[in-house]
Each structure stands twice: as structure tokens, then as C-alpha cells.
């Protein structure tokens, strides 16, 4: 709950993505992303809630461990690379993934990982640089990397490869910088690809939560809180609908044709609601064809015969 400036008390739940968890999050939303791909595919979420029999409140790292235990083996044949922000760039998560034979790319900035940066302070990293053309101008992508550094300041610390990355404009001014740690062996030939994969985690916010909030799914709308599990159930159904629609976008040509005809996702949902309010379609194919062509078969417009 929160109190507005006008004195009104407002109830709310927040939802955190697999890569950007905030205190008070309702769940951890795992999502499949890839650099250069506009589609993202939500996976089954893990709710952040006090577990039965537990004395302590639940936390994001505990939720990650539960999610990985429940789903990691099933996804392993796909050889996923796990992406996450600095909250999860810790010994326990890194060791969990290493024990499972999984790879990862995690954000790891100096402000949150003092021991790691103390270790690499003064070391001479390997370097790589690329000129990237962007419209009429160009940018310089600069990479630094060091192999086998400890994620924490203990003798038993898990080891990771560290990457520093920055983008400079034509005048040499740095416009963006970040740092990552990874289980993948970093070389000059693959460092750019690894960083591109690490940066793809922002697609979870841009192509997933932004769509859910602003393009027809109304994720921020209060559908109901209930006393126990109602908010979780309604939010999960919302995410399930988005996942199903994404798979149709990828696999079902008639659906894609209907979606493209509407241009905006919100318009598509409005058309579906309007058509099905006044016309009974005998099957899914005829509904999609009507949406794609903006026509309704004449036989569906005839009033039913009364015998």
C-alpha cells in the first residue's frame, strides 16, 4: 500500500523481470530474449512470497534458486545463457549455475562489487575496439576483459571472466558504459557477441513489460487484489495471454496476417472485441480472415432462421 499526496490510500503490486528485480516485487518473470530479435517469449514466473514453513521473508535470490531448480533441467537441452542484473552477480547464484553446467552473463558494476574490482585494480586487461556505423555518424565500441577473477573476496570464491564495455561518440565522449561477468571464455573474437547478448536483457523491459503495460494488456490496471492469491492469478493469466500471442506471432501465418492488418496491437484487440460482440464465427480461421481482410462473409450476417 502507499499513500498519495492527496491522502488517498492506494493498494498495488509490482512485478520484477528476471533481469531487473525491485524490492516488493510480486514475481520473477523469466523471459527468452536474443540480440537482433524483436520477439521475446515469457516463461513460467516464480512468485516472490513467503514459503510454507519458512521463518524468513522470501527474497529475489531465493526465488531464482527455486525457479532454476524447477525449470533448469527442462531448458538445459536448449543451452540457455542466463542474463541478470548485478543483484544476481553473487557467489551463490554463480555457483548454482556452474554446478548445473549452465552459462551466464551478469551485470557487475564497481559500485556493487568492491572485492572483484579490488582484485582487478592495476591489472592490464586485454582490449578490443570496433567502429560501428550508425546512420550518418559512427560510434566506437571499446571492450576490456580479464579472465578468471573472483566474484567475492574469499578463497573459495567462484571465478568469472570480467568485461568492461563503453560506447564513445565521434568526438571520443563516452555515452554509455557497463560491465559484465560471464562463465563464457572471453576472447577478442567473441567479446562483442557476448556483450550484445548481455545487453539484450533490456528487451525484457522494452519488448515485454512495456507491451504488457501500454499496448492492450493493461498490466498496470487493478483487476483485483483479493486476500491471498487473486492478484498473482490475474497477473499470471495476463502473462500467459502475452506468451500465447507471441507464439502465434512466431508460428501462425493467419494470425500474423490479421495482426499486421490492424497495425497496432491495441487496435487488433479492439477489432476482436467488436467483431465477436456482433457476429458468431463458426471457427477460428474465419475470424482471423475477417480481421485480416476487414470483411465478414455474407452468410454470417444473415439473421438466424426461426423454424
Protein backbone atom coordinates (compact mmCIF):
# COMPACT_ATOMS: atom_id res chain seq x y z
CA UNK A 1 0.00 0.00 0.00
CA UNK A 2 1.06 3.61 -0.50
CA UNK A 3 -0.32 6.99 0.50
CA UNK A 4 -0.78 9.60 -2.22
CA UNK A 5 -0.14 13.32 -1.66
CA UNK A 6 -3.90 13.90 -1.51
CA UNK A 7 -4.19 11.50 1.41
CA UNK A 8 -5.71 8.64 -0.61
CA UNK A 9 -4.53 5.14 0.27
CA UNK A 10 -3.75 3.02 -2.80
CA UNK A 11 -3.06 -0.72 -2.98
CA UNK A 12 -0.65 -2.03 -5.60
CA UNK A 13 1.64 -4.89 -6.60
CA UNK A 14 4.85 -4.53 -8.59
CA UNK A 15 6.28 -7.12 -10.95
CA UNK A 16 10.00 -7.59 -11.44
CA UNK A 17 11.61 -9.03 -14.54
CA UNK A 18 14.20 -11.82 -14.43
CA UNK A 19 16.82 -9.16 -15.10
CA UNK A 20 15.61 -6.22 -13.04
CA UNK A 21 14.15 -7.10 -9.67
CA UNK A 22 13.00 -4.41 -7.29
CA UNK A 23 12.14 -4.74 -3.59
CA UNK A 24 8.49 -5.66 -3.15
CA UNK A 25 8.24 -7.42 -6.49
CA UNK A 26 5.35 -9.81 -6.92
CA UNK A 27 7.27 -12.26 -9.08
CA UNK A 28 10.38 -13.03 -11.03
CA UNK A 29 9.45 -13.09 -14.72
CA UNK A 30 11.86 -15.23 -16.73
CA UNK A 31 11.88 -14.35 -20.43
CA UNK A 32 13.66 -15.68 -23.53
CA UNK A 33 15.47 -12.89 -25.41
CA UNK A 34 18.12 -12.70 -28.13
CA UNK A 35 20.07 -9.82 -29.69
CA UNK A 36 18.62 -8.75 -33.02
CA UNK A 37 15.25 -10.42 -32.32
CA UNK A 38 12.19 -8.23 -31.72
CA UNK A 39 10.13 -11.04 -30.16
CA UNK A 40 10.52 -12.13 -26.54
CA UNK A 41 8.93 -15.26 -25.09
CA UNK A 42 7.84 -15.24 -21.43
CA UNK A 43 8.46 -18.37 -19.41
CA UNK A 44 6.77 -19.57 -16.25
CA UNK A 45 7.31 -16.98 -13.48
CA UNK A 46 8.33 -17.59 -9.89
CA UNK A 47 6.32 -15.72 -7.26
CA UNK A 48 8.23 -13.92 -4.53
CA UNK A 49 6.26 -14.80 -1.43
CA UNK A 50 6.99 -16.30 1.98
CA UNK A 51 7.17 -20.06 1.54
CA UNK A 52 5.19 -22.53 3.63
CA UNK A 53 7.09 -23.34 6.82
CA UNK A 54 9.71 -20.63 6.25
CA UNK A 55 10.62 -18.28 9.09
CA UNK A 56 12.22 -15.61 6.90
CA UNK A 57 10.58 -13.45 4.25
CA UNK A 58 11.20 -14.53 0.68
CA UNK A 59 13.80 -12.76 -1.47
CA UNK A 60 14.79 -12.50 -5.13
CA UNK A 61 17.83 -14.78 -4.85
CA UNK A 62 15.80 -17.49 -3.14
CA UNK A 63 13.17 -17.18 -5.88
CA UNK A 64 15.88 -17.57 -8.55
CA UNK A 65 17.11 -20.74 -6.86
CA UNK A 66 13.57 -22.18 -6.80
CA UNK A 67 12.98 -21.23 -10.43
CA UNK A 68 16.23 -22.83 -11.57
CA UNK A 69 15.59 -26.00 -9.57
CA UNK A 70 12.10 -26.32 -11.07
CA UNK A 71 12.87 -25.44 -14.71
CA UNK A 72 16.64 -25.53 -15.30
CA UNK A 73 16.84 -29.20 -16.29
CA UNK A 74 13.93 -28.90 -18.72
CA UNK A 75 15.56 -25.95 -20.50
CA UNK A 76 19.09 -27.39 -20.49
CA UNK A 77 18.84 -29.04 -23.94
CA UNK A 78 18.29 -25.54 -25.38
CA UNK A 79 21.66 -24.44 -23.91
CA UNK A 80 20.38 -21.15 -22.45
CA UNK A 81 22.67 -18.38 -21.28
CA UNK A 82 21.21 -16.77 -18.16
CA UNK A 83 21.13 -12.97 -18.04
CA UNK A 84 20.54 -10.90 -14.92
CA UNK A 85 21.45 -7.65 -13.23
CA UNK A 86 24.04 -7.09 -10.51
CA UNK A 87 21.81 -8.36 -7.70
CA UNK A 88 22.39 -11.88 -9.01
CA UNK A 89 26.11 -11.47 -9.76
CA UNK A 90 26.98 -13.17 -6.47
CA UNK A 91 28.78 -16.33 -5.41
CA UNK A 92 25.61 -18.30 -4.57
CA UNK A 93 23.91 -17.73 -7.94
CA UNK A 94 27.12 -18.13 -9.95
CA UNK A 95 27.94 -21.38 -8.13
CA UNK A 96 24.38 -22.66 -8.58
CA UNK A 97 24.59 -22.12 -12.35
CA UNK A 98 28.11 -23.57 -12.54
CA UNK A 99 27.02 -26.69 -10.63
CA UNK A 100 24.20 -27.12 -13.14
CA UNK A 101 26.57 -26.75 -16.09
CA UNK A 102 24.86 -23.53 -17.20
CA UNK A 103 26.38 -20.37 -18.66
CA UNK A 104 25.56 -16.82 -17.63
CA UNK A 105 26.20 -13.14 -18.39
CA UNK A 106 25.53 -10.87 -15.40
CA UNK A 107 25.86 -7.14 -14.88
CA UNK A 108 28.68 -6.39 -12.44
CA UNK A 109 29.44 -2.73 -11.75
CA UNK A 110 32.12 -1.32 -9.46
CA UNK A 111 29.63 0.23 -7.05
CA UNK A 112 28.20 -3.16 -6.08
CA UNK A 113 31.23 -5.49 -6.33
CA UNK A 114 34.10 -3.93 -4.40
CA UNK A 115 36.04 -7.17 -3.81
CA UNK A 116 36.09 -8.05 -7.51
CA UNK A 117 37.26 -4.58 -8.53
CA UNK A 118 39.91 -4.54 -5.80
CA UNK A 119 41.24 -7.77 -7.33
CA UNK A 120 41.46 -6.39 -10.89
CA UNK A 121 42.71 -2.94 -9.83
CA UNK A 122 46.05 -2.38 -11.54
CA UNK A 123 45.74 -5.42 -13.80
CA UNK A 124 46.26 -4.93 -17.51
CA UNK A 125 43.19 -6.20 -19.37
CA UNK A 126 43.08 -7.41 -22.94
CA UNK A 127 41.45 -4.88 -25.26
CA UNK A 128 39.34 -4.86 -28.37
CA UNK A 129 37.76 -1.99 -30.34
CA UNK A 130 35.25 -1.72 -33.18
CA UNK A 131 33.91 1.16 -35.27
CA UNK A 132 30.13 0.88 -35.67
CA UNK A 133 28.34 2.90 -38.33
CA UNK A 134 25.03 4.38 -37.15
CA UNK A 135 23.20 6.39 -39.79
CA UNK A 136 25.40 9.27 -40.92
CA UNK A 137 27.68 9.05 -37.91
CA UNK A 138 29.72 6.36 -36.20
CA UNK A 139 30.39 5.06 -32.72
CA UNK A 140 33.38 3.35 -31.19
CA UNK A 141 32.72 0.21 -29.14
CA UNK A 142 35.53 -0.43 -26.66
CA UNK A 143 35.99 -3.70 -24.79
CA UNK A 144 38.30 -4.70 -21.93
CA UNK A 145 38.36 -8.15 -20.37
CA UNK A 146 40.18 -10.18 -17.73
CA UNK A 147 39.89 -13.94 -17.24
CA UNK A 148 39.34 -15.87 -14.02
CA UNK A 149 38.64 -13.23 -11.39
CA UNK A 150 36.86 -14.00 -8.05
CA UNK A 151 33.27 -12.84 -7.69
CA UNK A 152 33.85 -12.23 -3.96
CA UNK A 153 36.77 -11.75 -1.60
CA UNK A 154 37.10 -15.29 -0.23
CA UNK A 155 39.44 -18.17 -1.07
CA UNK A 156 36.55 -20.39 -2.15
CA UNK A 157 35.03 -17.76 -4.46
CA UNK A 158 33.66 -18.77 -7.82
CA UNK A 159 35.74 -17.48 -10.74
CA UNK A 160 34.33 -15.48 -13.65
CA UNK A 161 35.56 -13.60 -16.71
CA UNK A 162 35.09 -9.83 -16.38
CA UNK A 163 34.25 -7.48 -19.29
CA UNK A 164 34.22 -3.69 -19.31
CA UNK A 165 32.33 -2.07 -22.19
CA UNK A 166 31.80 1.52 -23.32
CA UNK A 167 30.50 3.42 -26.33
CA UNK A 168 32.14 6.65 -27.48
CA UNK A 169 30.80 9.18 -29.97
CA UNK A 170 32.88 10.58 -32.89
CA UNK A 171 34.43 13.17 -30.52
CA UNK A 172 35.54 10.47 -28.12
CA UNK A 173 32.94 11.30 -25.47
CA UNK A 174 31.74 8.16 -23.65
CA UNK A 175 27.95 8.00 -23.95
CA UNK A 176 27.38 4.57 -22.39
CA UNK A 177 29.31 2.17 -20.19
CA UNK A 178 28.65 -1.05 -18.32
CA UNK A 179 30.47 -4.11 -17.01
CA UNK A 180 29.64 -7.79 -17.06
CA UNK A 181 30.87 -11.08 -15.66
CA UNK A 182 30.39 -14.34 -17.51
CA UNK A 183 31.11 -18.05 -17.40
CA UNK A 184 31.95 -17.97 -21.11
CA UNK A 185 35.65 -17.85 -22.06
CA UNK A 186 36.15 -14.34 -23.50
CA UNK A 187 38.39 -13.65 -26.50
CA UNK A 188 38.84 -10.77 -28.91
CA UNK A 189 36.82 -12.70 -31.48
CA UNK A 190 33.75 -13.23 -29.29
CA UNK A 191 33.70 -10.37 -26.75
CA UNK A 192 31.41 -8.21 -28.92
CA UNK A 193 28.88 -11.05 -29.26
CA UNK A 194 28.94 -11.76 -25.52
CA UNK A 195 28.30 -8.09 -24.68
CA UNK A 196 25.48 -7.91 -27.25
CA UNK A 197 23.86 -10.91 -25.57
CA UNK A 198 24.28 -9.34 -22.14
CA UNK A 199 22.71 -6.08 -23.27
CA UNK A 200 19.75 -7.97 -24.78
CA UNK A 201 18.27 -8.38 -21.30
CA UNK A 202 16.79 -4.90 -21.66
CA UNK A 203 14.42 -6.42 -24.21
CA UNK A 204 12.59 -7.90 -21.23
CA UNK A 205 11.61 -4.36 -20.25
CA UNK A 206 11.19 -2.90 -23.74
CA UNK A 207 9.52 -5.78 -25.61
CA UNK A 208 7.79 -7.46 -22.68
CA UNK A 209 6.77 -5.20 -19.80
CA UNK A 210 6.34 -2.13 -21.99
CA UNK A 211 3.94 -4.09 -24.22
CA UNK A 212 2.08 -5.53 -21.24
CA UNK A 213 1.65 -2.09 -19.67
CA UNK A 214 0.98 0.11 -22.70
CA UNK A 215 -0.24 -1.97 -25.66
CA UNK A 216 -3.52 -3.59 -24.77
CA UNK A 217 -2.84 -5.98 -21.89
CA UNK A 218 -3.34 -3.30 -19.20
CA UNK A 219 -0.94 -4.98 -16.78
CA UNK A 220 -0.97 -1.91 -14.53
CA UNK A 221 -4.76 -1.95 -14.27
CA UNK A 222 -6.13 -3.11 -10.92
CA UNK A 223 -8.11 -6.20 -11.87
CA UNK A 224 -8.41 -7.12 -8.19
CA UNK A 225 -6.16 -7.90 -5.24
CA UNK A 226 -8.16 -10.36 -3.15
CA UNK A 227 -6.95 -11.67 0.18
CA UNK A 228 -4.45 -14.34 -0.86
CA UNK A 229 -3.71 -15.30 -4.46
CA UNK A 230 -6.08 -13.30 -6.68
CA UNK A 231 -3.52 -10.67 -7.77
CA UNK A 232 -0.96 -13.39 -8.56
CA UNK A 233 -3.51 -15.41 -10.54
CA UNK A 234 -4.71 -12.45 -12.63
CA UNK A 235 -1.18 -11.25 -13.35
CA UNK A 236 -0.14 -14.78 -14.36
CA UNK A 237 -3.13 -15.07 -16.73
CA UNK A 238 -2.14 -11.74 -18.28
CA UNK A 239 1.41 -13.02 -18.86
CA UNK A 240 0.07 -16.33 -20.21
CA UNK A 241 -2.02 -14.46 -22.80
CA UNK A 242 1.04 -12.47 -23.89
CA UNK A 243 3.12 -15.66 -24.16
CA UNK A 244 0.43 -17.38 -26.25
CA UNK A 245 0.06 -14.38 -28.57
CA UNK A 246 3.84 -14.24 -29.02
CA UNK A 247 3.94 -17.88 -30.07
CA UNK A 248 1.14 -17.22 -32.57
CA UNK A 249 3.15 -14.26 -33.92
CA UNK A 250 6.07 -16.63 -34.49
CA UNK A 251 4.27 -19.73 -35.76
CA UNK A 252 0.81 -18.98 -37.19
CA UNK A 253 0.65 -17.17 -40.58
CA UNK A 254 -3.12 -16.39 -40.47
CA UNK A 255 -2.68 -14.80 -37.04
CA UNK A 256 0.30 -12.72 -38.29
CA UNK A 257 -1.73 -11.54 -41.29
CA UNK A 258 -4.59 -10.43 -39.03
CA UNK A 259 -2.20 -8.72 -36.60
CA UNK A 260 -0.37 -6.86 -39.39
CA UNK A 261 -3.67 -5.63 -40.86
CA UNK A 262 -4.54 -3.94 -37.57
CA UNK A 263 -1.07 -2.34 -37.29
CA UNK A 264 -1.39 -1.59 -33.57
CA UNK A 265 -1.86 -4.36 -31.01
CA UNK A 266 -4.48 -2.27 -29.18
CA UNK A 267 -6.45 -1.89 -32.42
CA UNK A 268 -6.29 -5.64 -33.00
CA UNK A 269 -7.77 -6.36 -29.58
CA UNK A 270 -10.49 -3.75 -30.20
CA UNK A 271 -11.39 -5.35 -33.55
CA UNK A 272 -11.61 -8.81 -31.96
CA UNK A 273 -13.91 -7.48 -29.26
CA UNK A 274 -16.13 -5.63 -31.74
CA UNK A 275 -16.49 -8.47 -34.23
CA UNK A 276 -17.20 -11.16 -31.67
CA UNK A 277 -19.79 -8.95 -29.99
CA UNK A 278 -21.99 -8.89 -33.10
CA UNK A 279 -21.02 -11.91 -35.20
CA UNK A 280 -20.80 -15.59 -34.29
CA UNK A 281 -17.89 -17.12 -36.20
CA UNK A 282 -18.05 -20.89 -36.76
CA UNK A 283 -14.30 -21.33 -36.44
CA UNK A 284 -11.02 -19.60 -35.66
CA UNK A 285 -9.89 -19.47 -39.31
CA UNK A 286 -12.92 -17.42 -40.43
CA UNK A 287 -12.44 -14.95 -37.58
CA UNK A 288 -8.78 -14.40 -38.49
CA UNK A 289 -9.67 -14.00 -42.16
CA UNK A 290 -12.27 -11.37 -41.29
CA UNK A 291 -9.71 -9.50 -39.19
CA UNK A 292 -7.12 -9.66 -41.95
CA UNK A 293 -9.43 -8.55 -44.80
CA UNK A 294 -11.83 -6.26 -42.91
CA UNK A 295 -14.73 -8.22 -44.38
CA UNK A 296 -17.36 -10.53 -42.93
CA UNK A 297 -18.76 -13.42 -45.02
CA UNK A 298 -22.36 -12.52 -46.03
CA UNK A 299 -23.74 -15.78 -44.67
CA UNK A 300 -22.58 -14.78 -41.18
CA UNK A 301 -24.52 -11.53 -41.42
CA UNK A 302 -27.83 -13.22 -42.21
CA UNK A 303 -30.25 -13.38 -39.26
CA UNK A 304 -30.75 -16.89 -37.89
CA UNK A 305 -33.71 -18.80 -39.29
CA UNK A 306 -36.52 -19.44 -36.84
CA UNK A 307 -38.43 -22.60 -37.54
